[in-house]
PDB file of N, CA and C in Angstrom:
ATOM      1  N   MET A   1      65.277  64.469 108.533  1.00  0.00           N
ATOM      2  CA  MET A   1      64.641  63.442 107.740  1.00  0.00           C
ATOM      3  C   MET A   1      63.265  63.152 108.307  1.00  0.00           C
ATOM      4  N   ASN A   2      62.341  62.880 107.453  1.00  0.00           N
ATOM      5  CA  ASN A   2      60.984  62.541 107.854  1.00  0.00           C
ATOM      6  C   ASN A   2      60.988  61.217 108.606  1.00  0.00           C
ATOM      7  N   GLY A   3      60.464  61.216 109.841  1.00  0.00           N
ATOM      8  CA  GLY A   3      60.457  60.024 110.668  1.00  0.00           C
ATOM      9  C   GLY A   3      59.636  58.893 110.082  1.00  0.00           C
ATOM     10  N   GLU A   4      58.769  59.206 109.133  1.00  0.00           N
ATOM     11  CA  GLU A   4      57.923  58.190 108.520  1.00  0.00           C
ATOM     12  C   GLU A   4      58.630  57.458 107.380  1.00  0.00           C
ATOM     13  N   MET A   5      59.780  57.954 106.953  1.00  0.00           N
ATOM     14  CA  MET A   5      60.481  57.361 105.819  1.00  0.00           C
ATOM     15  C   MET A   5      61.057  56.004 106.198  1.00  0.00           C
ATOM     16  N   ASP A   6      60.845  55.038 105.343  1.00  0.00           N
ATOM     17  CA  ASP A   6      61.367  53.694 105.554  1.00  0.00           C
ATOM     18  C   ASP A   6      62.823  53.652 105.097  1.00  0.00           C
ATOM     19  N   VAL A   7      63.719  53.270 106.004  1.00  0.00           N
ATOM     20  CA  VAL A   7      65.143  53.242 105.669  1.00  0.00           C
ATOM     21  C   VAL A   7      65.420  52.231 104.552  1.00  0.00           C
ATOM     22  N   ASN A   8      64.620  51.178 104.458  1.00  0.00           N
ATOM     23  CA  ASN A   8      64.822  50.216 103.376  1.00  0.00           C
ATOM     24  C   ASN A   8      64.554  50.846 102.018  1.00  0.00           C
ATOM     25  N   TYR A   9      63.582  51.738 101.961  1.00  0.00           N
ATOM     26  CA  TYR A   9      63.314  52.473 100.725  1.00  0.00           C
ATOM     27  C   TYR A   9      64.528  53.322 100.351  1.00  0.00           C
ATOM     28  N   LEU A  10      65.078  54.023 101.337  1.00  0.00           N
ATOM     29  CA  LEU A  10      66.249  54.864 101.084  1.00  0.00           C
ATOM     30  C   LEU A  10      67.433  54.031 100.610  1.00  0.00           C
ATOM     31  N   LEU A  11      67.661  52.891 101.252  1.00  0.00           N
ATOM     32  CA  LEU A  11      68.771  52.018 100.851  1.00  0.00           C
ATOM     33  C   LEU A  11      68.573  51.506  99.429  1.00  0.00           C
ATOM     34  N   HIS A  12      67.354  51.153  99.102  1.00  0.00           N
ATOM     35  CA  HIS A  12      67.052  50.680  97.749  1.00  0.00           C
ATOM     36  C   HIS A  12      67.303  51.782  96.722  1.00  0.00           C
ATOM     37  N   ARG A  13      66.771  52.978  96.985  1.00  0.00           N
ATOM     38  CA  ARG A  13      66.945  54.087  96.047  1.00  0.00           C
ATOM     39  C   ARG A  13      68.426  54.458  95.891  1.00  0.00           C
ATOM     40  N   GLN A  14      69.175  54.387  96.980  1.00  0.00           N
ATOM     41  CA  GLN A  14      70.603  54.663  96.914  1.00  0.00           C
ATOM     42  C   GLN A  14      71.294  53.676  95.969  1.00  0.00           C
ATOM     43  N   GLN A  15      70.977  52.399  96.121  1.00  0.00           N
ATOM     44  CA  GLN A  15      71.593  51.381  95.274  1.00  0.00           C
ATOM     45  C   GLN A  15      71.195  51.550  93.820  1.00  0.00           C
ATOM     46  N   VAL A  16      69.932  51.860  93.565  1.00  0.00           N
ATOM     47  CA  VAL A  16      69.478  52.088  92.192  1.00  0.00           C
ATOM     48  C   VAL A  16      70.229  53.264  91.583  1.00  0.00           C
ATOM     49  N   ALA A  17      70.377  54.349  92.351  1.00  0.00           N
ATOM     50  CA  ALA A  17      71.088  55.525  91.838  1.00  0.00           C
ATOM     51  C   ALA A  17      72.541  55.189  91.536  1.00  0.00           C
ATOM     52  N   LEU A  18      73.183  54.401  92.399  1.00  0.00           N
ATOM     53  CA  LEU A  18      74.581  54.027  92.157  1.00  0.00           C
ATOM     54  C   LEU A  18      74.722  53.150  90.915  1.00  0.00           C
ATOM     55  N   ILE A  19      73.792  52.231  90.724  1.00  0.00           N
ATOM     56  CA  ILE A  19      73.829  51.359  89.543  1.00  0.00           C
ATOM     57  C   ILE A  19      73.615  52.182  88.283  1.00  0.00           C
ATOM     58  N   ARG A  20      72.652  53.110  88.341  1.00  0.00           N
ATOM     59  CA  ARG A  20      72.389  53.958  87.172  1.00  0.00           C
ATOM     60  C   ARG A  20      73.575  54.873  86.881  1.00  0.00           C
ATOM     61  N   ALA A  21      74.238  55.352  87.919  1.00  0.00           N
ATOM     62  CA  ALA A  21      75.429  56.177  87.713  1.00  0.00           C
ATOM     63  C   ALA A  21      76.510  55.364  87.017  1.00  0.00           C
ATOM     64  N   GLN A  22      76.698  54.143  87.462  1.00  0.00           N
ATOM     65  CA  GLN A  22      77.724  53.279  86.883  1.00  0.00           C
ATOM     66  C   GLN A  22      77.420  52.968  85.420  1.00  0.00           C
ATOM     67  N   MET A  23      76.147  52.844  85.087  1.00  0.00           N
ATOM     68  CA  MET A  23      75.757  52.459  83.725  1.00  0.00           C
ATOM     69  C   MET A  23      75.523  53.651  82.806  1.00  0.00           C
ATOM     70  N   SER A  24      75.583  54.854  83.359  1.00  0.00           N
ATOM     71  CA  SER A  24      75.309  56.047  82.571  1.00  0.00           C
ATOM     72  C   SER A  24      76.353  56.219  81.474  1.00  0.00           C
ATOM     73  N   ARG A  25      75.873  56.627  80.319  1.00  0.00           N
ATOM     74  CA  ARG A  25      76.773  56.823  79.180  1.00  0.00           C
ATOM     75  C   ARG A  25      77.311  58.246  79.094  1.00  0.00           C
ATOM     76  N   SER A  26      76.759  59.129  79.918  1.00  0.00           N
ATOM     77  CA  SER A  26      77.221  60.511  79.863  1.00  0.00           C
ATOM     78  C   SER A  26      77.746  60.945  81.227  1.00  0.00           C
ATOM     79  N   VAL A  27      78.649  61.884  81.194  1.00  0.00           N
ATOM     80  CA  VAL A  27      79.210  62.430  82.429  1.00  0.00           C
ATOM     81  C   VAL A  27      78.116  63.122  83.235  1.00  0.00           C
ATOM     82  N   LYS A  28      77.267  63.904  82.562  1.00  0.00           N
ATOM     83  CA  LYS A  28      76.192  64.607  83.266  1.00  0.00           C
ATOM     84  C   LYS A  28      75.231  63.629  83.925  1.00  0.00           C
ATOM     85  N   GLY A  29      74.895  62.573  83.220  1.00  0.00           N
ATOM     86  CA  GLY A  29      74.003  61.567  83.792  1.00  0.00           C
ATOM     87  C   GLY A  29      74.623  60.899  85.002  1.00  0.00           C
ATOM     88  N   ARG A  30      75.889  60.522  84.869  1.00  0.00           N
ATOM     89  CA  ARG A  30      76.598  59.885  85.984  1.00  0.00           C
ATOM     90  C   ARG A  30      76.657  60.819  87.189  1.00  0.00           C
ATOM     91  N   GLU A  31      76.981  62.070  86.953  1.00  0.00           N
ATOM     92  CA  GLU A  31      77.049  63.038  88.051  1.00  0.00           C
ATOM     93  C   GLU A  31      75.689  63.239  88.709  1.00  0.00           C
ATOM     94  N   ALA A  32      74.637  63.249  87.907  1.00  0.00           N
ATOM     95  CA  ALA A  32      73.294  63.431  88.461  1.00  0.00           C
ATOM     96  C   ALA A  32      72.923  62.255  89.370  1.00  0.00           C
ATOM     97  N   TYR A  33      73.169  61.049  88.909  1.00  0.00           N
ATOM     98  CA  TYR A  33      72.841  59.871  89.722  1.00  0.00           C
ATOM     99  C   TYR A  33      73.734  59.769  90.956  1.00  0.00           C
ATOM    100  N   GLU A  34      74.992  60.157  90.817  1.00  0.00           N
ATOM    101  CA  GLU A  34      75.878  60.162  91.984  1.00  0.00           C
ATOM    102  C   GLU A  34      75.382  61.176  93.020  1.00  0.00           C
ATOM    103  N   GLY A  35      74.876  62.311  92.547  1.00  0.00           N
ATOM    104  CA  GLY A  35      74.315  63.306  93.447  1.00  0.00           C
ATOM    105  C   GLY A  35      73.086  62.774  94.176  1.00  0.00           C
ATOM    106  N   LEU A  36      72.248  62.065  93.452  1.00  0.00           N
ATOM    107  CA  LEU A  36      71.087  61.445  94.093  1.00  0.00           C
ATOM    108  C   LEU A  36      71.535  60.446  95.150  1.00  0.00           C
ATOM    109  N   ALA A  37      72.517  59.624  94.807  1.00  0.00           N
ATOM    110  CA  ALA A  37      73.019  58.626  95.760  1.00  0.00           C
ATOM    111  C   ALA A  37      73.574  59.300  97.009  1.00  0.00           C
ATOM    112  N   ARG A  38      74.291  60.414  96.836  1.00  0.00           N
ATOM    113  CA  ARG A  38      74.819  61.145  98.001  1.00  0.00           C
ATOM    114  C   ARG A  38      73.681  61.681  98.864  1.00  0.00           C
ATOM    115  N   GLY A  39      72.624  62.151  98.224  1.00  0.00           N
ATOM    116  CA  GLY A  39      71.472  62.642  98.977  1.00  0.00           C
ATOM    117  C   GLY A  39      70.823  61.529  99.791  1.00  0.00           C
ATOM    118  N   TYR A  40      70.695  60.359  99.194  1.00  0.00           N
ATOM    119  CA  TYR A  40      70.149  59.222  99.930  1.00  0.00           C
ATOM    120  C   TYR A  40      71.093  58.816 101.058  1.00  0.00           C
ATOM    121  N   THR A  41      72.384  58.863 100.798  1.00  0.00           N
ATOM    122  CA  THR A  41      73.362  58.532 101.843  1.00  0.00           C
ATOM    123  C   THR A  41      73.218  59.479 103.025  1.00  0.00           C
ATOM    124  N   ASP A  42      73.043  60.760 102.744  1.00  0.00           N
ATOM    125  CA  ASP A  42      72.859  61.746 103.816  1.00  0.00           C
ATOM    126  C   ASP A  42      71.615  61.423 104.650  1.00  0.00           C
ATOM    127  N   GLN A  43      70.530  61.050 103.973  1.00  0.00           N
ATOM    128  CA  GLN A  43      69.294  60.718 104.688  1.00  0.00           C
ATOM    129  C   GLN A  43      69.454  59.439 105.514  1.00  0.00           C
ATOM    130  N   ILE A  44      70.152  58.455 104.960  1.00  0.00           N
ATOM    131  CA  ILE A  44      70.397  57.204 105.681  1.00  0.00           C
ATOM    132  C   ILE A  44      71.253  57.475 106.912  1.00  0.00           C
ATOM    133  N   ASP A  45      72.293  58.278 106.748  1.00  0.00           N
ATOM    134  CA  ASP A  45      73.157  58.622 107.883  1.00  0.00           C
ATOM    135  C   ASP A  45      72.375  59.350 108.971  1.00  0.00           C
ATOM    136  N   ALA A  46      71.496  60.265 108.569  1.00  0.00           N
ATOM    137  CA  ALA A  46      70.679  60.991 109.540  1.00  0.00           C
ATOM    138  C   ALA A  46      69.756  60.025 110.280  1.00  0.00           C
ATOM    139  N   TYR A  47      69.187  59.097 109.578  1.00  0.00           N
ATOM    140  CA  TYR A  47      68.322  58.084 110.186  1.00  0.00           C
ATOM    141  C   TYR A  47      69.106  57.269 111.222  1.00  0.00           C
ATOM    142  N   ARG A  48      70.295  56.855 110.835  1.00  0.00           N
ATOM    143  CA  ARG A  48      71.121  56.044 111.745  1.00  0.00           C
ATOM    144  C   ARG A  48      71.546  56.839 112.980  1.00  0.00           C
ATOM    145  N   ARG A  49      71.918  58.102 112.783  1.00  0.00           N
ATOM    146  CA  ARG A  49      72.290  58.942 113.929  1.00  0.00           C
ATOM    147  C   ARG A  49      71.124  59.103 114.894  1.00  0.00           C
ATOM    148  N   GLU A  50      69.937  59.320 114.347  1.00  0.00           N
ATOM    149  CA  GLU A  50      68.756  59.469 115.196  1.00  0.00           C
ATOM    150  C   GLU A  50      68.466  58.173 115.954  1.00  0.00           C
ATOM    151  N   ASN A  51      68.604  57.038 115.297  1.00  0.00           N
ATOM    152  CA  ASN A  51      68.397  55.757 115.982  1.00  0.00           C
ATOM    153  C   ASN A  51      69.415  55.562 117.095  1.00  0.00           C
ATOM    154  N   GLU A  52      70.675  55.920 116.836  1.00  0.00           N
ATOM    155  CA  GLU A  52      71.702  55.804 117.882  1.00  0.00           C
ATOM    156  C   GLU A  52      71.361  56.709 119.060  1.00  0.00           C
ATOM    157  N   ARG A  53      70.888  57.904 118.781  1.00  0.00           N
ATOM    158  CA  ARG A  53      70.508  58.844 119.833  1.00  0.00           C
ATOM    159  C   ARG A  53      69.366  58.263 120.672  1.00  0.00           C
ATOM    160  N   LEU A  54      68.379  57.695 120.004  1.00  0.00           N
ATOM    161  CA  LEU A  54      67.237  57.129 120.723  1.00  0.00           C
ATOM    162  C   LEU A  54      67.640  55.921 121.568  1.00  0.00           C
ATOM    163  N   VAL A  55      68.543  55.115 121.046  1.00  0.00           N
ATOM    164  CA  VAL A  55      69.020  53.950 121.814  1.00  0.00           C
ATOM    165  C   VAL A  55      69.789  54.423 123.041  1.00  0.00           C
ATOM    166  N   ASP A  56      70.622  55.444 122.866  1.00  0.00           N
ATOM    167  CA  ASP A  56      71.381  55.988 124.001  1.00  0.00           C
ATOM    168  C   ASP A  56      70.441  56.544 125.067  1.00  0.00           C
ATOM    169  N   LEU A  57      69.372  57.193 124.644  1.00  0.00           N
ATOM    170  CA  LEU A  57      68.416  57.740 125.601  1.00  0.00           C
ATOM    171  C   LEU A  57      67.689  56.632 126.368  1.00  0.00           C
ATOM    172  N   ALA A  58      67.512  55.499 125.731  1.00  0.00           N
ATOM    173  CA  ALA A  58      66.774  54.388 126.354  1.00  0.00           C
ATOM    174  C   ALA A  58      67.619  53.645 127.374  1.00  0.00           C
ATOM    175  N   HIS A  59      68.919  53.853 127.335  1.00  0.00           N
ATOM    176  CA  HIS A  59      69.795  53.119 128.271  1.00  0.00           C
ATOM    177  C   HIS A  59      70.353  53.992 129.346  1.00  0.00           C
TER     178      HIS A  59
END
């Protein structure tokens, strides 16, 4: 993940994708938004893992 990415942006986009998936009228649309949400989740998880690694290194 790009170190310059703001995790709040990722969290916001994840929530928007989940809301759009829930409101989608088509299966394809819902699946597309769910896929986007999973991608954001992966990036958020990577960000959190990197932060945990950095905290461990600092102690």
